[in-house]
Amino acid sequence: MSSNLDHIYPVFDKMLPREAKESLLSQRGIVVWMYGLSGSGKSTLANLLERRLHEQGNFVKVLDGDNVRSGLNQNLGFSDEDRLENIRRVAEVAKLFAESGVVTIASFITPNNELRSLARSILGDDDLLEVYVSASYQTCAERDPKGLYAKVDAGEVKNFTGKDSGFEEPDRPDLIIDTELHNEDECLAQLLEAVSKRIEAPASP
């Protein structure tokens, strides 16, 4: 039996190389993959980072979990299989952006190391900055910016990460940002320092 790939003929070698696009943008494309519990501060920091980098002249794209689920991944639920497919699709999209020289910020809960390893296997170590945005379940529940924790307590939300569905502490993040210990400005400064080092344009030969 033939596979779905038997009649696919990639033409990557005929396309404009990545280096030409990065040279045009004067930056190196990477993926800043930010994960943590709902309410930990991922989206807030992703949006702040996007604006700061934009102000500095960088070309940036944010991929946000809820935004992607309202479009590209609207057919996916929250089963283990659907979470896996959600992350696989996002990582493949993020890879396309990074290969085009875009600084790509992905903000997804990514609750376990299997999913994080999947994203890393697609993106590769050179193109990935893995950032764990850390905050306890209790703190996130107190913040509850989307009202989700209240709905969980009322029994209106199932398979919620941190309660019905577990959240696994990461094996090897490149950066940990603790939003309980540090304020917004301090967290952004940590993030910006790490990202800035990775997106510097390659030196001309």
C-alpha atoms as a PDB file:
ATOM      1  CA  MET A   1       0.000   0.000   0.000  1.00  0.00           C
ATOM      2  CA  SER A   2       1.392   3.420  -0.948  1.00  0.00           C
ATOM      3  CA  SER A   3       1.791   6.177   1.615  1.00  0.00           C
ATOM      4  CA  ASN A   4       0.449   9.721   1.387  1.00  0.00           C
ATOM      5  CA  LEU A   5       3.997  10.906   0.598  1.00  0.00           C
ATOM      6  CA  ASP A   6       4.570   8.680  -2.427  1.00  0.00           C
ATOM      7  CA  HIS A   7       3.369  11.314  -4.884  1.00  0.00           C
ATOM      8  CA  ILE A   8       4.802  14.416  -3.208  1.00  0.00           C
ATOM      9  CA  TYR A   9       7.885  16.040  -4.726  1.00  0.00           C
ATOM     10  CA  PRO A  10       9.305  18.874  -2.559  1.00  0.00           C
ATOM     11  CA  VAL A  11      11.127  21.705  -4.360  1.00  0.00           C
ATOM     12  CA  PHE A  12      12.840  23.368  -1.409  1.00  0.00           C
ATOM     13  CA  ASP A  13      16.138  23.558  -3.260  1.00  0.00           C
ATOM     14  CA  LYS A  14      14.607  25.750  -5.966  1.00  0.00           C
ATOM     15  CA  MET A  15      13.313  28.398  -3.569  1.00  0.00           C
ATOM     16  CA  LEU A  16      14.992  31.605  -2.469  1.00  0.00           C
ATOM     17  CA  PRO A  17      17.335  30.656   0.400  1.00  0.00           C
ATOM     18  CA  ARG A  18      16.640  31.608   3.984  1.00  0.00           C
ATOM     19  CA  GLU A  19      19.805  33.704   4.172  1.00  0.00           C
ATOM     20  CA  ALA A  20      18.455  36.082   1.513  1.00  0.00           C
ATOM     21  CA  LYS A  21      15.310  36.723   3.520  1.00  0.00           C
ATOM     22  CA  GLU A  22      17.187  37.219   6.783  1.00  0.00           C
ATOM     23  CA  SER A  23      19.525  39.633   5.022  1.00  0.00           C
ATOM     24  CA  LEU A  24      16.540  41.619   3.720  1.00  0.00           C
ATOM     25  CA  LEU A  25      15.056  41.851   7.230  1.00  0.00           C
ATOM     26  CA  SER A  26      18.432  42.376   8.976  1.00  0.00           C
ATOM     27  CA  GLN A  27      17.546  39.787  11.585  1.00  0.00           C
ATOM     28  CA  ARG A  28      17.709  36.066  12.206  1.00  0.00           C
ATOM     29  CA  GLY A  29      14.451  34.140  12.260  1.00  0.00           C
ATOM     30  CA  ILE A  30      13.751  32.119  15.411  1.00  0.00           C
ATOM     31  CA  VAL A  31      10.777  30.752  17.334  1.00  0.00           C
ATOM     32  CA  VAL A  32      10.258  31.907  20.912  1.00  0.00           C
ATOM     33  CA  TRP A  33       8.029  29.145  22.281  1.00  0.00           C
ATOM     34  CA  MET A  34       6.378  30.331  25.517  1.00  0.00           C
ATOM     35  CA  TYR A  35       4.413  27.851  27.608  1.00  0.00           C
ATOM     36  CA  GLY A  36       2.801  27.616  31.022  1.00  0.00           C
ATOM     37  CA  LEU A  37      -0.586  27.457  32.713  1.00  0.00           C
ATOM     38  CA  SER A  38      -3.481  29.605  31.568  1.00  0.00           C
ATOM     39  CA  GLY A  39      -3.063  32.907  33.401  1.00  0.00           C
ATOM     40  CA  SER A  40       0.679  32.523  33.926  1.00  0.00           C
ATOM     41  CA  GLY A  41       1.370  35.579  31.764  1.00  0.00           C
ATOM     42  CA  LYS A  42       2.277  34.022  28.405  1.00  0.00           C
ATOM     43  CA  SER A  43       0.018  36.130  26.213  1.00  0.00           C
ATOM     44  CA  THR A  44       0.797  39.339  28.090  1.00  0.00           C
ATOM     45  CA  LEU A  45       4.545  38.830  27.703  1.00  0.00           C
ATOM     46  CA  ALA A  46       4.205  37.691  24.090  1.00  0.00           C
ATOM     47  CA  ASN A  47       2.333  40.863  23.187  1.00  0.00           C
ATOM     48  CA  LEU A  48       4.758  43.089  25.100  1.00  0.00           C
ATOM     49  CA  LEU A  49       7.729  41.386  23.453  1.00  0.00           C
ATOM     50  CA  GLU A  50       6.172  41.773  20.016  1.00  0.00           C
ATOM     51  CA  ARG A  51       5.663  45.518  20.523  1.00  0.00           C
ATOM     52  CA  ARG A  52       9.143  46.092  21.935  1.00  0.00           C
ATOM     53  CA  LEU A  53      10.838  44.194  19.114  1.00  0.00           C
ATOM     54  CA  HIS A  54       8.690  46.000  16.555  1.00  0.00           C
ATOM     55  CA  GLU A  55       9.749  49.336  18.037  1.00  0.00           C
ATOM     56  CA  GLN A  56      13.354  48.218  17.610  1.00  0.00           C
ATOM     57  CA  GLY A  57      12.801  47.534  13.917  1.00  0.00           C
ATOM     58  CA  ASN A  58      12.257  43.783  13.971  1.00  0.00           C
ATOM     59  CA  PHE A  59       9.649  41.912  11.946  1.00  0.00           C
ATOM     60  CA  VAL A  60       7.637  39.812  14.394  1.00  0.00           C
ATOM     61  CA  LYS A  61       4.625  37.484  14.342  1.00  0.00           C
ATOM     62  CA  VAL A  62       2.729  36.172  17.377  1.00  0.00           C
ATOM     63  CA  LEU A  63       0.974  32.795  17.237  1.00  0.00           C
ATOM     64  CA  ASP A  64      -1.472  32.726  20.166  1.00  0.00           C
ATOM     65  CA  GLY A  65      -3.233  29.587  21.350  1.00  0.00           C
ATOM     66  CA  ASP A  66      -6.784  30.940  21.351  1.00  0.00           C
ATOM     67  CA  ASN A  67      -6.305  32.793  18.063  1.00  0.00           C
ATOM     68  CA  VAL A  68      -5.009  29.678  16.306  1.00  0.00           C
ATOM     69  CA  ARG A  69      -7.816  27.548  17.721  1.00  0.00           C
ATOM     70  CA  SER A  70     -10.356  30.018  16.333  1.00  0.00           C
ATOM     71  CA  GLY A  71      -8.989  29.501  12.808  1.00  0.00           C
ATOM     72  CA  LEU A  72      -6.398  26.969  11.681  1.00  0.00           C
ATOM     73  CA  ASN A  73      -7.119  24.525  14.509  1.00  0.00           C
ATOM     74  CA  GLN A  74     -10.823  25.157  15.089  1.00  0.00           C
ATOM     75  CA  ASN A  75     -11.564  21.482  14.391  1.00  0.00           C
ATOM     76  CA  LEU A  76      -9.430  20.323  17.344  1.00  0.00           C
ATOM     77  CA  GLY A  77     -10.578  19.693  20.895  1.00  0.00           C
ATOM     78  CA  PHE A  78      -8.575  19.058  24.052  1.00  0.00           C
ATOM     79  CA  SER A  79      -8.055  15.309  24.011  1.00  0.00           C
ATOM     80  CA  ASP A  80      -4.462  14.066  24.139  1.00  0.00           C
ATOM     81  CA  GLU A  81      -4.578  13.355  20.407  1.00  0.00           C
ATOM     82  CA  ASP A  82      -5.957  16.785  19.562  1.00  0.00           C
ATOM     83  CA  ARG A  83      -3.434  18.566  21.786  1.00  0.00           C
ATOM     84  CA  LEU A  84      -0.662  16.701  19.962  1.00  0.00           C
ATOM     85  CA  GLU A  85      -2.019  17.708  16.556  1.00  0.00           C
ATOM     86  CA  ASN A  86      -2.506  21.305  17.742  1.00  0.00           C
ATOM     87  CA  ILE A  87       1.165  21.599  18.691  1.00  0.00           C
ATOM     88  CA  ARG A  88       2.343  19.767  15.557  1.00  0.00           C
ATOM     89  CA  ARG A  89       0.496  22.158  13.268  1.00  0.00           C
ATOM     90  CA  VAL A  90       1.626  25.237  15.163  1.00  0.00           C
ATOM     91  CA  ALA A  91       5.258  24.103  15.142  1.00  0.00           C
ATOM     92  CA  GLU A  92       5.120  23.522  11.381  1.00  0.00           C
ATOM     93  CA  VAL A  93       3.625  26.999  10.825  1.00  0.00           C
ATOM     94  CA  ALA A  94       6.185  28.573  13.152  1.00  0.00           C
ATOM     95  CA  LYS A  95       8.950  26.808  11.225  1.00  0.00           C
ATOM     96  CA  LEU A  96       7.731  28.376   7.976  1.00  0.00           C
ATOM     97  CA  PHE A  97       7.845  31.826   9.554  1.00  0.00           C
ATOM     98  CA  ALA A  98      11.305  31.310  11.070  1.00  0.00           C
ATOM     99  CA  GLU A  99      12.692  30.050   7.768  1.00  0.00           C
ATOM    100  CA  SER A 100      11.406  33.282   6.219  1.00  0.00           C
ATOM    101  CA  GLY A 101      13.455  35.303   8.708  1.00  0.00           C
ATOM    102  CA  VAL A 102      10.547  36.222  10.965  1.00  0.00           C
ATOM    103  CA  VAL A 103      10.914  36.402  14.754  1.00  0.00           C
ATOM    104  CA  THR A 104       7.997  34.170  15.717  1.00  0.00           C
ATOM    105  CA  ILE A 105       6.492  34.141  19.207  1.00  0.00           C
ATOM    106  CA  ALA A 106       4.349  31.079  19.981  1.00  0.00           C
ATOM    107  CA  SER A 107       2.205  31.274  23.109  1.00  0.00           C
ATOM    108  CA  PHE A 108       0.715  27.859  23.948  1.00  0.00           C
ATOM    109  CA  ILE A 109       0.112  25.987  27.211  1.00  0.00           C
ATOM    110  CA  THR A 110       2.078  22.958  25.880  1.00  0.00           C
ATOM    111  CA  PRO A 111       1.402  21.029  29.108  1.00  0.00           C
ATOM    112  CA  ASN A 112       3.870  18.148  28.922  1.00  0.00           C
ATOM    113  CA  ASN A 113       7.364  17.245  27.830  1.00  0.00           C
ATOM    114  CA  GLU A 114       6.117  15.030  24.994  1.00  0.00           C
ATOM    115  CA  LEU A 115       4.530  18.058  23.320  1.00  0.00           C
ATOM    116  CA  ARG A 116       7.573  20.240  23.974  1.00  0.00           C
ATOM    117  CA  SER A 117       9.828  17.563  22.482  1.00  0.00           C
ATOM    118  CA  LEU A 118       7.554  17.377  19.452  1.00  0.00           C
ATOM    119  CA  ALA A 119       7.871  21.125  18.881  1.00  0.00           C
ATOM    120  CA  ARG A 120      11.648  20.922  19.303  1.00  0.00           C
ATOM    121  CA  SER A 121      11.927  17.997  16.874  1.00  0.00           C
ATOM    122  CA  ILE A 122      10.130  20.053  14.211  1.00  0.00           C
ATOM    123  CA  LEU A 123      11.885  23.369  14.854  1.00  0.00           C
ATOM    124  CA  GLY A 124      15.375  22.206  15.817  1.00  0.00           C
ATOM    125  CA  ASP A 125      17.612  23.496  18.585  1.00  0.00           C
ATOM    126  CA  ASP A 126      19.082  26.331  16.524  1.00  0.00           C
ATOM    127  CA  ASP A 127      15.712  27.897  15.751  1.00  0.00           C
ATOM    128  CA  LEU A 128      13.998  27.392  19.108  1.00  0.00           C
ATOM    129  CA  LEU A 129      14.092  29.440  22.308  1.00  0.00           C
ATOM    130  CA  GLU A 130      11.987  27.475  24.797  1.00  0.00           C
ATOM    131  CA  VAL A 131      10.587  29.701  27.549  1.00  0.00           C
ATOM    132  CA  TYR A 132       8.698  28.389  30.582  1.00  0.00           C
ATOM    133  CA  VAL A 133       6.435  31.093  32.005  1.00  0.00           C
ATOM    134  CA  SER A 134       6.034  29.866  35.560  1.00  0.00           C
ATOM    135  CA  ALA A 135       3.221  30.561  38.015  1.00  0.00           C
ATOM    136  CA  SER A 136       1.360  28.249  40.390  1.00  0.00           C
ATOM    137  CA  TYR A 137      -2.162  26.996  39.730  1.00  0.00           C
ATOM    138  CA  GLN A 138      -3.387  28.970  42.754  1.00  0.00           C
ATOM    139  CA  THR A 139      -1.858  32.218  41.503  1.00  0.00           C
ATOM    140  CA  CYS A 140      -3.245  31.700  38.001  1.00  0.00           C
ATOM    141  CA  ALA A 141      -6.672  30.957  39.474  1.00  0.00           C
ATOM    142  CA  GLU A 142      -6.522  34.193  41.463  1.00  0.00           C
ATOM    143  CA  ARG A 143      -5.596  36.156  38.341  1.00  0.00           C
ATOM    144  CA  ASP A 144      -8.118  34.323  36.137  1.00  0.00           C
ATOM    145  CA  PRO A 145      -7.915  36.891  33.284  1.00  0.00           C
ATOM    146  CA  LYS A 146     -10.277  34.936  31.014  1.00  0.00           C
ATOM    147  CA  GLY A 147     -12.672  33.740  33.719  1.00  0.00           C
ATOM    148  CA  LEU A 148     -11.728  30.136  32.957  1.00  0.00           C
ATOM    149  CA  TYR A 149     -10.896  29.086  36.494  1.00  0.00           C
ATOM    150  CA  ALA A 150     -14.304  30.266  37.695  1.00  0.00           C
ATOM    151  CA  LYS A 151     -15.906  28.153  34.956  1.00  0.00           C
ATOM    152  CA  VAL A 152     -13.770  25.175  36.016  1.00  0.00           C
ATOM    153  CA  ASP A 153     -14.961  25.539  39.608  1.00  0.00           C
ATOM    154  CA  ALA A 154     -18.539  25.682  38.320  1.00  0.00           C
ATOM    155  CA  GLY A 155     -17.998  22.480  36.340  1.00  0.00           C
ATOM    156  CA  GLU A 156     -18.441  24.222  32.997  1.00  0.00           C
ATOM    157  CA  VAL A 157     -14.972  23.409  31.608  1.00  0.00           C
ATOM    158  CA  LYS A 158     -13.581  19.877  31.273  1.00  0.00           C
ATOM    159  CA  ASN A 159     -10.029  18.642  30.615  1.00  0.00           C
ATOM    160  CA  PHE A 160      -8.638  21.866  32.077  1.00  0.00           C
ATOM    161  CA  THR A 161      -4.843  21.944  32.323  1.00  0.00           C
ATOM    162  CA  GLY A 162      -3.640  21.916  35.894  1.00  0.00           C
ATOM    163  CA  LYS A 163      -6.792  20.280  37.238  1.00  0.00           C
ATOM    164  CA  ASP A 164      -8.460  17.544  35.147  1.00  0.00           C
ATOM    165  CA  SER A 165      -5.510  17.444  32.763  1.00  0.00           C
ATOM    166  CA  GLY A 166      -2.023  17.578  34.260  1.00  0.00           C
ATOM    167  CA  PHE A 167       0.757  20.090  33.683  1.00  0.00           C
ATOM    168  CA  GLU A 168       4.256  18.603  33.693  1.00  0.00           C
ATOM    169  CA  GLU A 169       7.252  20.602  34.876  1.00  0.00           C
ATOM    170  CA  PRO A 170       9.682  21.064  31.959  1.00  0.00           C
ATOM    171  CA  ASP A 171      12.838  19.021  31.411  1.00  0.00           C
ATOM    172  CA  ARG A 172      15.073  21.561  29.722  1.00  0.00           C
ATOM    173  CA  PRO A 173      13.704  25.037  29.035  1.00  0.00           C
ATOM    174  CA  ASP A 174      16.168  27.577  27.702  1.00  0.00           C
ATOM    175  CA  LEU A 175      14.699  30.209  30.010  1.00  0.00           C
ATOM    176  CA  ILE A 176      12.381  30.216  33.033  1.00  0.00           C
ATOM    177  CA  ILE A 177      10.434  33.392  33.765  1.00  0.00           C
ATOM    178  CA  ASP A 178       8.686  33.363  37.146  1.00  0.00           C
ATOM    179  CA  THR A 179       5.806  35.823  36.994  1.00  0.00           C
ATOM    180  CA  GLU A 180       5.131  35.396  40.709  1.00  0.00           C
ATOM    181  CA  LEU A 181       8.601  36.546  41.734  1.00  0.00           C
ATOM    182  CA  HIS A 182       9.087  39.257  39.110  1.00  0.00           C
ATOM    183  CA  ASN A 183       6.910  42.096  37.896  1.00  0.00           C
ATOM    184  CA  GLU A 184       5.923  42.666  34.283  1.00  0.00           C
ATOM    185  CA  ASP A 185       8.838  44.971  33.441  1.00  0.00           C
ATOM    186  CA  GLU A 186      11.388  42.601  34.981  1.00  0.00           C
ATOM    187  CA  CYS A 187       9.939  39.605  33.121  1.00  0.00           C
ATOM    188  CA  LEU A 188       9.991  41.466  29.822  1.00  0.00           C
ATOM    189  CA  ALA A 189      13.599  42.536  30.403  1.00  0.00           C
ATOM    190  CA  GLN A 190      14.659  38.903  30.981  1.00  0.00           C
ATOM    191  CA  LEU A 191      12.838  37.783  27.872  1.00  0.00           C
ATOM    192  CA  LEU A 192      14.112  40.612  25.691  1.00  0.00           C
ATOM    193  CA  GLU A 193      17.716  39.970  26.714  1.00  0.00           C
ATOM    194  CA  ALA A 194      17.493  36.294  25.776  1.00  0.00           C
ATOM    195  CA  VAL A 195      15.727  36.938  22.476  1.00  0.00           C
ATOM    196  CA  SER A 196      17.941  39.820  21.371  1.00  0.00           C
ATOM    197  CA  LYS A 197      21.025  37.608  21.496  1.00  0.00           C
ATOM    198  CA  ARG A 198      19.397  35.051  19.211  1.00  0.00           C
ATOM    199  CA  ILE A 199      18.017  37.341  16.497  1.00  0.00           C
ATOM    200  CA  GLU A 200      21.079  39.390  15.712  1.00  0.00           C
ATOM    201  CA  ALA A 201      21.665  39.435  11.968  1.00  0.00           C
ATOM    202  CA  PRO A 202      24.583  37.237  10.847  1.00  0.00           C
ATOM    203  CA  ALA A 203      27.749  39.192  10.158  1.00  0.00           C
ATOM    204  CA  SER A 204      28.435  39.873   6.494  1.00  0.00           C
ATOM    205  CA  PRO A 205      31.264  37.720   5.046  1.00  0.00           C
END
